[in-house]
Amino acid sequence: MYLFENAGEGNSKKVVELTIERAKKDNINSVVISSNSGSSALLFIDSGIDNLVCVTRCVGFKEPGVHELLEENKKKLVEAGVKIFTGTHLFRGVEKAIISKSGGMYPLEIIANALRLFGQGTKVAVEIAVMALDAGLIPFGEKIISVAGTKTGLDTAIIITPQHASNFFETKIHEIICKPAL
């Protein structure tokens, strides 16, 4: 496992390098990338990976009605054959509304906080892998690499066999390729 001294986008190029290297070495054909603006996903263009999936935050995440995926990035990703998924996050949604309204902590937030023990990027990497599987963008039952980060950019890559959200606890995290040292 490669450990970064700090979290964040300063690690993006190394994460991409490590991810491509492992995908080729282990014959992994699908990589799921957390990329709100599309910039991080663009780093994987021409990587030789067959199935690239960019998972963005849902419309309205930061501001009602606003999608953070930049149109010029979306165009480049689509032209390169990258699949784009935008939807409600696995650990967010209606439960977030309940927490905001009444306070407290509910099961999804407890799961998210437990995954954050390994870093924000690990939590997001698990989350987007399940979301991509539920959307039918990656094959069921296969190891994939899921890549995410802390705030902006990339700092975490994991090898994971996700399960559908309805069977979340059968998900297998096989290896952490890289992450920030916490």
C-alpha atoms as a PDB file:
ATOM      1  CA  MET A   1       0.000   0.000   0.000  1.00  0.00           C
ATOM      2  CA  TYR A   2       1.276   3.424  -0.950  1.00  0.00           C
ATOM      3  CA  LEU A   3       0.675   6.092   1.714  1.00  0.00           C
ATOM      4  CA  PHE A   4       0.536   9.784   0.897  1.00  0.00           C
ATOM      5  CA  GLU A   5       1.842  12.235   3.459  1.00  0.00           C
ATOM      6  CA  ASN A   6      -1.170  14.514   2.938  1.00  0.00           C
ATOM      7  CA  ALA A   7      -4.700  14.158   1.600  1.00  0.00           C
ATOM      8  CA  GLY A   8      -5.967  15.936  -1.484  1.00  0.00           C
ATOM      9  CA  GLU A   9      -5.427  16.755  -5.110  1.00  0.00           C
ATOM     10  CA  GLY A  10      -1.630  16.974  -4.942  1.00  0.00           C
ATOM     11  CA  ASN A  11      -1.718  13.174  -5.124  1.00  0.00           C
ATOM     12  CA  SER A  12      -3.915  12.866  -8.223  1.00  0.00           C
ATOM     13  CA  LYS A  13      -1.222  12.049 -10.786  1.00  0.00           C
ATOM     14  CA  LYS A  14       0.334   9.366  -8.564  1.00  0.00           C
ATOM     15  CA  VAL A  15      -3.103   7.839  -7.892  1.00  0.00           C
ATOM     16  CA  VAL A  16      -3.747   7.646 -11.638  1.00  0.00           C
ATOM     17  CA  GLU A  17      -0.314   6.061 -12.212  1.00  0.00           C
ATOM     18  CA  LEU A  18      -0.802   3.468  -9.457  1.00  0.00           C
ATOM     19  CA  THR A  19      -4.346   2.696 -10.613  1.00  0.00           C
ATOM     20  CA  ILE A  20      -3.389   2.129 -14.248  1.00  0.00           C
ATOM     21  CA  GLU A  21      -0.404   0.004 -13.197  1.00  0.00           C
ATOM     22  CA  ARG A  22      -2.593  -2.230 -10.977  1.00  0.00           C
ATOM     23  CA  ALA A  23      -5.414  -2.460 -13.505  1.00  0.00           C
ATOM     24  CA  LYS A  24      -2.971  -3.747 -16.123  1.00  0.00           C
ATOM     25  CA  LYS A  25      -1.129  -6.052 -13.719  1.00  0.00           C
ATOM     26  CA  ASP A  26      -4.322  -7.633 -12.346  1.00  0.00           C
ATOM     27  CA  ASN A  27      -6.326  -7.562 -15.590  1.00  0.00           C
ATOM     28  CA  ILE A  28      -8.971  -5.287 -14.077  1.00  0.00           C
ATOM     29  CA  ASN A  29     -11.117  -3.776 -16.824  1.00  0.00           C
ATOM     30  CA  SER A  30     -13.294  -1.302 -14.889  1.00  0.00           C
ATOM     31  CA  VAL A  31     -12.257   1.814 -12.986  1.00  0.00           C
ATOM     32  CA  VAL A  32     -14.809   4.006 -11.219  1.00  0.00           C
ATOM     33  CA  ILE A  33     -13.684   7.597 -10.583  1.00  0.00           C
ATOM     34  CA  SER A  34     -15.202  10.169  -8.261  1.00  0.00           C
ATOM     35  CA  SER A  35     -15.074  13.438 -10.198  1.00  0.00           C
ATOM     36  CA  ASN A  36     -17.474  16.297  -9.528  1.00  0.00           C
ATOM     37  CA  SER A  37     -16.245  18.692 -12.217  1.00  0.00           C
ATOM     38  CA  GLY A  38     -14.962  15.912 -14.486  1.00  0.00           C
ATOM     39  CA  SER A  39     -11.328  17.023 -14.146  1.00  0.00           C
ATOM     40  CA  SER A  40     -10.152  13.952 -12.222  1.00  0.00           C
ATOM     41  CA  ALA A  41     -11.868  11.591 -14.668  1.00  0.00           C
ATOM     42  CA  LEU A  42     -10.124  13.332 -17.573  1.00  0.00           C
ATOM     43  CA  LEU A  43      -6.786  12.176 -16.104  1.00  0.00           C
ATOM     44  CA  PHE A  44      -7.720   8.601 -17.110  1.00  0.00           C
ATOM     45  CA  ILE A  45      -8.380   9.361 -20.789  1.00  0.00           C
ATOM     46  CA  ASP A  46      -6.025   7.284 -22.983  1.00  0.00           C
ATOM     47  CA  SER A  47      -5.182   5.011 -20.032  1.00  0.00           C
ATOM     48  CA  GLY A  48      -6.025   1.853 -21.959  1.00  0.00           C
ATOM     49  CA  ILE A  49      -8.646   0.851 -19.386  1.00  0.00           C
ATOM     50  CA  ASP A  50     -11.713  -0.580 -21.141  1.00  0.00           C
ATOM     51  CA  ASN A  51     -14.480   0.645 -18.841  1.00  0.00           C
ATOM     52  CA  LEU A  52     -14.108   4.069 -17.222  1.00  0.00           C
ATOM     53  CA  VAL A  53     -17.008   5.372 -15.141  1.00  0.00           C
ATOM     54  CA  CYS A  54     -17.127   8.929 -13.807  1.00  0.00           C
ATOM     55  CA  VAL A  55     -19.412   9.348 -10.782  1.00  0.00           C
ATOM     56  CA  THR A  56     -20.391  12.931 -10.027  1.00  0.00           C
ATOM     57  CA  ARG A  57     -22.223  14.417  -7.107  1.00  0.00           C
ATOM     58  CA  CYS A  58     -25.965  14.707  -7.511  1.00  0.00           C
ATOM     59  CA  VAL A  59     -27.454  17.839  -9.017  1.00  0.00           C
ATOM     60  CA  GLY A  60     -28.138  20.269  -6.178  1.00  0.00           C
ATOM     61  CA  PHE A  61     -25.424  18.898  -3.867  1.00  0.00           C
ATOM     62  CA  LYS A  62     -23.851  22.334  -3.369  1.00  0.00           C
ATOM     63  CA  GLU A  63     -26.593  24.579  -4.716  1.00  0.00           C
ATOM     64  CA  PRO A  64     -30.192  23.786  -5.701  1.00  0.00           C
ATOM     65  CA  GLY A  65     -30.519  22.904  -9.385  1.00  0.00           C
ATOM     66  CA  VAL A  66     -26.787  23.158 -10.117  1.00  0.00           C
ATOM     67  CA  HIS A  67     -24.715  20.302 -11.576  1.00  0.00           C
ATOM     68  CA  GLU A  68     -20.995  20.613 -10.834  1.00  0.00           C
ATOM     69  CA  LEU A  69     -19.887  18.620 -13.908  1.00  0.00           C
ATOM     70  CA  LEU A  70     -18.409  21.184 -16.292  1.00  0.00           C
ATOM     71  CA  GLU A  71     -19.953  21.019 -19.769  1.00  0.00           C
ATOM     72  CA  GLU A  72     -16.578  21.094 -21.544  1.00  0.00           C
ATOM     73  CA  ASN A  73     -15.347  18.200 -19.378  1.00  0.00           C
ATOM     74  CA  LYS A  74     -18.563  16.271 -19.944  1.00  0.00           C
ATOM     75  CA  LYS A  75     -18.150  16.633 -23.702  1.00  0.00           C
ATOM     76  CA  LYS A  76     -14.539  15.354 -23.594  1.00  0.00           C
ATOM     77  CA  LEU A  77     -15.478  12.422 -21.352  1.00  0.00           C
ATOM     78  CA  VAL A  78     -18.402  11.371 -23.541  1.00  0.00           C
ATOM     79  CA  GLU A  79     -16.265  11.645 -26.698  1.00  0.00           C
ATOM     80  CA  ALA A  80     -13.651   9.400 -25.039  1.00  0.00           C
ATOM     81  CA  GLY A  81     -16.294   6.783 -24.191  1.00  0.00           C
ATOM     82  CA  VAL A  82     -16.332   7.418 -20.433  1.00  0.00           C
ATOM     83  CA  LYS A  83     -19.661   6.544 -18.797  1.00  0.00           C
ATOM     84  CA  ILE A  84     -21.013   9.285 -16.528  1.00  0.00           C
ATOM     85  CA  PHE A  85     -23.289   8.650 -13.553  1.00  0.00           C
ATOM     86  CA  THR A  86     -24.982  11.426 -11.610  1.00  0.00           C
ATOM     87  CA  GLY A  87     -27.352  10.454  -8.840  1.00  0.00           C
ATOM     88  CA  THR A  88     -28.110  10.581  -5.154  1.00  0.00           C
ATOM     89  CA  HIS A  89     -25.207   9.304  -3.108  1.00  0.00           C
ATOM     90  CA  LEU A  90     -25.516   5.960  -1.417  1.00  0.00           C
ATOM     91  CA  PHE A  91     -24.935   7.407   2.052  1.00  0.00           C
ATOM     92  CA  ARG A  92     -26.965  10.580   1.506  1.00  0.00           C
ATOM     93  CA  GLY A  93     -30.460  11.353   0.318  1.00  0.00           C
ATOM     94  CA  VAL A  94     -33.601  11.242   2.408  1.00  0.00           C
ATOM     95  CA  GLU A  95     -31.690  10.212   5.522  1.00  0.00           C
ATOM     96  CA  LYS A  96     -29.625  13.423   5.212  1.00  0.00           C
ATOM     97  CA  ALA A  97     -32.885  15.392   5.230  1.00  0.00           C
ATOM     98  CA  ILE A  98     -33.923  13.664   8.461  1.00  0.00           C
ATOM     99  CA  ILE A  99     -30.541  14.379  10.084  1.00  0.00           C
ATOM    100  CA  SER A 100     -30.698  18.039   8.991  1.00  0.00           C
ATOM    101  CA  LYS A 101     -34.229  18.430  10.302  1.00  0.00           C
ATOM    102  CA  SER A 102     -34.046  16.522  13.576  1.00  0.00           C
ATOM    103  CA  GLY A 103     -30.377  15.937  14.350  1.00  0.00           C
ATOM    104  CA  GLY A 104     -28.974  12.638  15.478  1.00  0.00           C
ATOM    105  CA  MET A 105     -27.234   9.888  13.589  1.00  0.00           C
ATOM    106  CA  TYR A 106     -28.930   7.217  11.529  1.00  0.00           C
ATOM    107  CA  PRO A 107     -27.693   3.919  10.035  1.00  0.00           C
ATOM    108  CA  LEU A 108     -26.319   5.296   6.739  1.00  0.00           C
ATOM    109  CA  GLU A 109     -24.393   8.028   8.539  1.00  0.00           C
ATOM    110  CA  ILE A 110     -22.983   5.448  10.957  1.00  0.00           C
ATOM    111  CA  ILE A 111     -21.754   3.315   8.017  1.00  0.00           C
ATOM    112  CA  ALA A 112     -20.268   6.395   6.303  1.00  0.00           C
ATOM    113  CA  ASN A 113     -18.480   7.451   9.499  1.00  0.00           C
ATOM    114  CA  ALA A 114     -17.101   3.936  10.005  1.00  0.00           C
ATOM    115  CA  LEU A 115     -15.656   3.966   6.468  1.00  0.00           C
ATOM    116  CA  ARG A 116     -14.188   7.438   7.111  1.00  0.00           C
ATOM    117  CA  LEU A 117     -11.968   5.797   9.734  1.00  0.00           C
ATOM    118  CA  PHE A 118      -9.874   4.788   6.698  1.00  0.00           C
ATOM    119  CA  GLY A 119     -10.173   8.303   5.218  1.00  0.00           C
ATOM    120  CA  GLN A 120     -12.748  10.297   3.282  1.00  0.00           C
ATOM    121  CA  GLY A 121     -11.460   8.902  -0.008  1.00  0.00           C
ATOM    122  CA  THR A 122     -12.049   5.321   1.119  1.00  0.00           C
ATOM    123  CA  LYS A 123     -15.630   6.132   2.092  1.00  0.00           C
ATOM    124  CA  VAL A 124     -16.278   7.749  -1.277  1.00  0.00           C
ATOM    125  CA  ALA A 125     -14.539   4.936  -3.199  1.00  0.00           C
ATOM    126  CA  VAL A 126     -16.807   2.321  -1.601  1.00  0.00           C
ATOM    127  CA  GLU A 127     -19.885   4.485  -2.115  1.00  0.00           C
ATOM    128  CA  ILE A 128     -19.307   5.195  -5.820  1.00  0.00           C
ATOM    129  CA  ALA A 129     -18.467   1.552  -6.585  1.00  0.00           C
ATOM    130  CA  VAL A 130     -21.881   0.469  -5.274  1.00  0.00           C
ATOM    131  CA  MET A 131     -23.596   3.352  -7.077  1.00  0.00           C
ATOM    132  CA  ALA A 132     -21.936   2.402 -10.385  1.00  0.00           C
ATOM    133  CA  LEU A 133     -22.960  -1.239  -9.915  1.00  0.00           C
ATOM    134  CA  ASP A 134     -26.552  -0.272  -9.108  1.00  0.00           C
ATOM    135  CA  ALA A 135     -26.602   1.863 -12.272  1.00  0.00           C
ATOM    136  CA  GLY A 136     -25.439  -1.112 -14.366  1.00  0.00           C
ATOM    137  CA  LEU A 137     -22.224   0.635 -15.423  1.00  0.00           C
ATOM    138  CA  ILE A 138     -19.846  -2.059 -14.175  1.00  0.00           C
ATOM    139  CA  PRO A 139     -20.177  -5.835 -14.264  1.00  0.00           C
ATOM    140  CA  PHE A 140     -21.618  -7.660 -11.260  1.00  0.00           C
ATOM    141  CA  GLY A 141     -19.257  -9.934  -9.323  1.00  0.00           C
ATOM    142  CA  GLU A 142     -15.976  -8.590 -10.760  1.00  0.00           C
ATOM    143  CA  LYS A 143     -13.118  -6.841  -9.044  1.00  0.00           C
ATOM    144  CA  ILE A 144     -12.842  -3.215 -10.046  1.00  0.00           C
ATOM    145  CA  ILE A 145     -10.688  -0.303  -8.947  1.00  0.00           C
ATOM    146  CA  SER A 146     -12.500   2.604  -7.351  1.00  0.00           C
ATOM    147  CA  VAL A 147     -10.731   5.962  -7.087  1.00  0.00           C
ATOM    148  CA  ALA A 148     -11.707   8.952  -4.955  1.00  0.00           C
ATOM    149  CA  GLY A 149     -10.294  11.753  -2.865  1.00  0.00           C
ATOM    150  CA  THR A 150     -10.635  14.211  -0.049  1.00  0.00           C
ATOM    151  CA  LYS A 151     -12.328  17.485  -1.066  1.00  0.00           C
ATOM    152  CA  THR A 152     -10.742  17.946  -4.522  1.00  0.00           C
ATOM    153  CA  GLY A 153      -8.599  15.654  -6.633  1.00  0.00           C
ATOM    154  CA  LEU A 154      -7.695  12.052  -5.968  1.00  0.00           C
ATOM    155  CA  ASP A 155      -5.829  10.469  -3.055  1.00  0.00           C
ATOM    156  CA  THR A 156      -7.315   6.980  -2.670  1.00  0.00           C
ATOM    157  CA  ALA A 157      -7.603   3.873  -4.841  1.00  0.00           C
ATOM    158  CA  ILE A 158      -9.035   0.512  -3.745  1.00  0.00           C
ATOM    159  CA  ILE A 159      -9.631  -2.866  -5.324  1.00  0.00           C
ATOM    160  CA  ILE A 160     -13.213  -3.806  -4.528  1.00  0.00           C
ATOM    161  CA  THR A 161     -15.958  -6.182  -5.557  1.00  0.00           C
ATOM    162  CA  PRO A 162     -19.058  -4.108  -4.849  1.00  0.00           C
ATOM    163  CA  GLN A 163     -22.493  -5.528  -4.235  1.00  0.00           C
ATOM    164  CA  HIS A 164     -25.796  -3.837  -4.927  1.00  0.00           C
ATOM    165  CA  ALA A 165     -26.961  -1.407  -2.247  1.00  0.00           C
ATOM    166  CA  SER A 166     -29.633  -3.879  -1.169  1.00  0.00           C
ATOM    167  CA  ASN A 167     -26.833  -6.340  -0.339  1.00  0.00           C
ATOM    168  CA  PHE A 168     -24.203  -3.768   0.716  1.00  0.00           C
ATOM    169  CA  PHE A 169     -22.604  -5.811   3.494  1.00  0.00           C
ATOM    170  CA  GLU A 170     -21.498  -8.461   0.996  1.00  0.00           C
ATOM    171  CA  THR A 171     -19.167  -5.890  -0.623  1.00  0.00           C
ATOM    172  CA  LYS A 172     -15.506  -6.946  -0.475  1.00  0.00           C
ATOM    173  CA  ILE A 173     -12.634  -4.489  -0.208  1.00  0.00           C
ATOM    174  CA  HIS A 174      -9.700  -6.603  -1.381  1.00  0.00           C
ATOM    175  CA  GLU A 175      -6.915  -4.067  -1.148  1.00  0.00           C
ATOM    176  CA  ILE A 176      -6.155  -0.438  -0.562  1.00  0.00           C
ATOM    177  CA  ILE A 177      -3.751   0.526  -3.351  1.00  0.00           C
ATOM    178  CA  CYS A 178      -3.096   3.988  -1.940  1.00  0.00           C
ATOM    179  CA  LYS A 179      -4.515   6.457   0.542  1.00  0.00           C
ATOM    180  CA  PRO A 180      -3.395   9.323   2.742  1.00  0.00           C
ATOM    181  CA  ALA A 181      -1.668   8.475   5.997  1.00  0.00           C
ATOM    182  CA  LEU A 182      -4.126   9.815   8.564  1.00  0.00           C
END
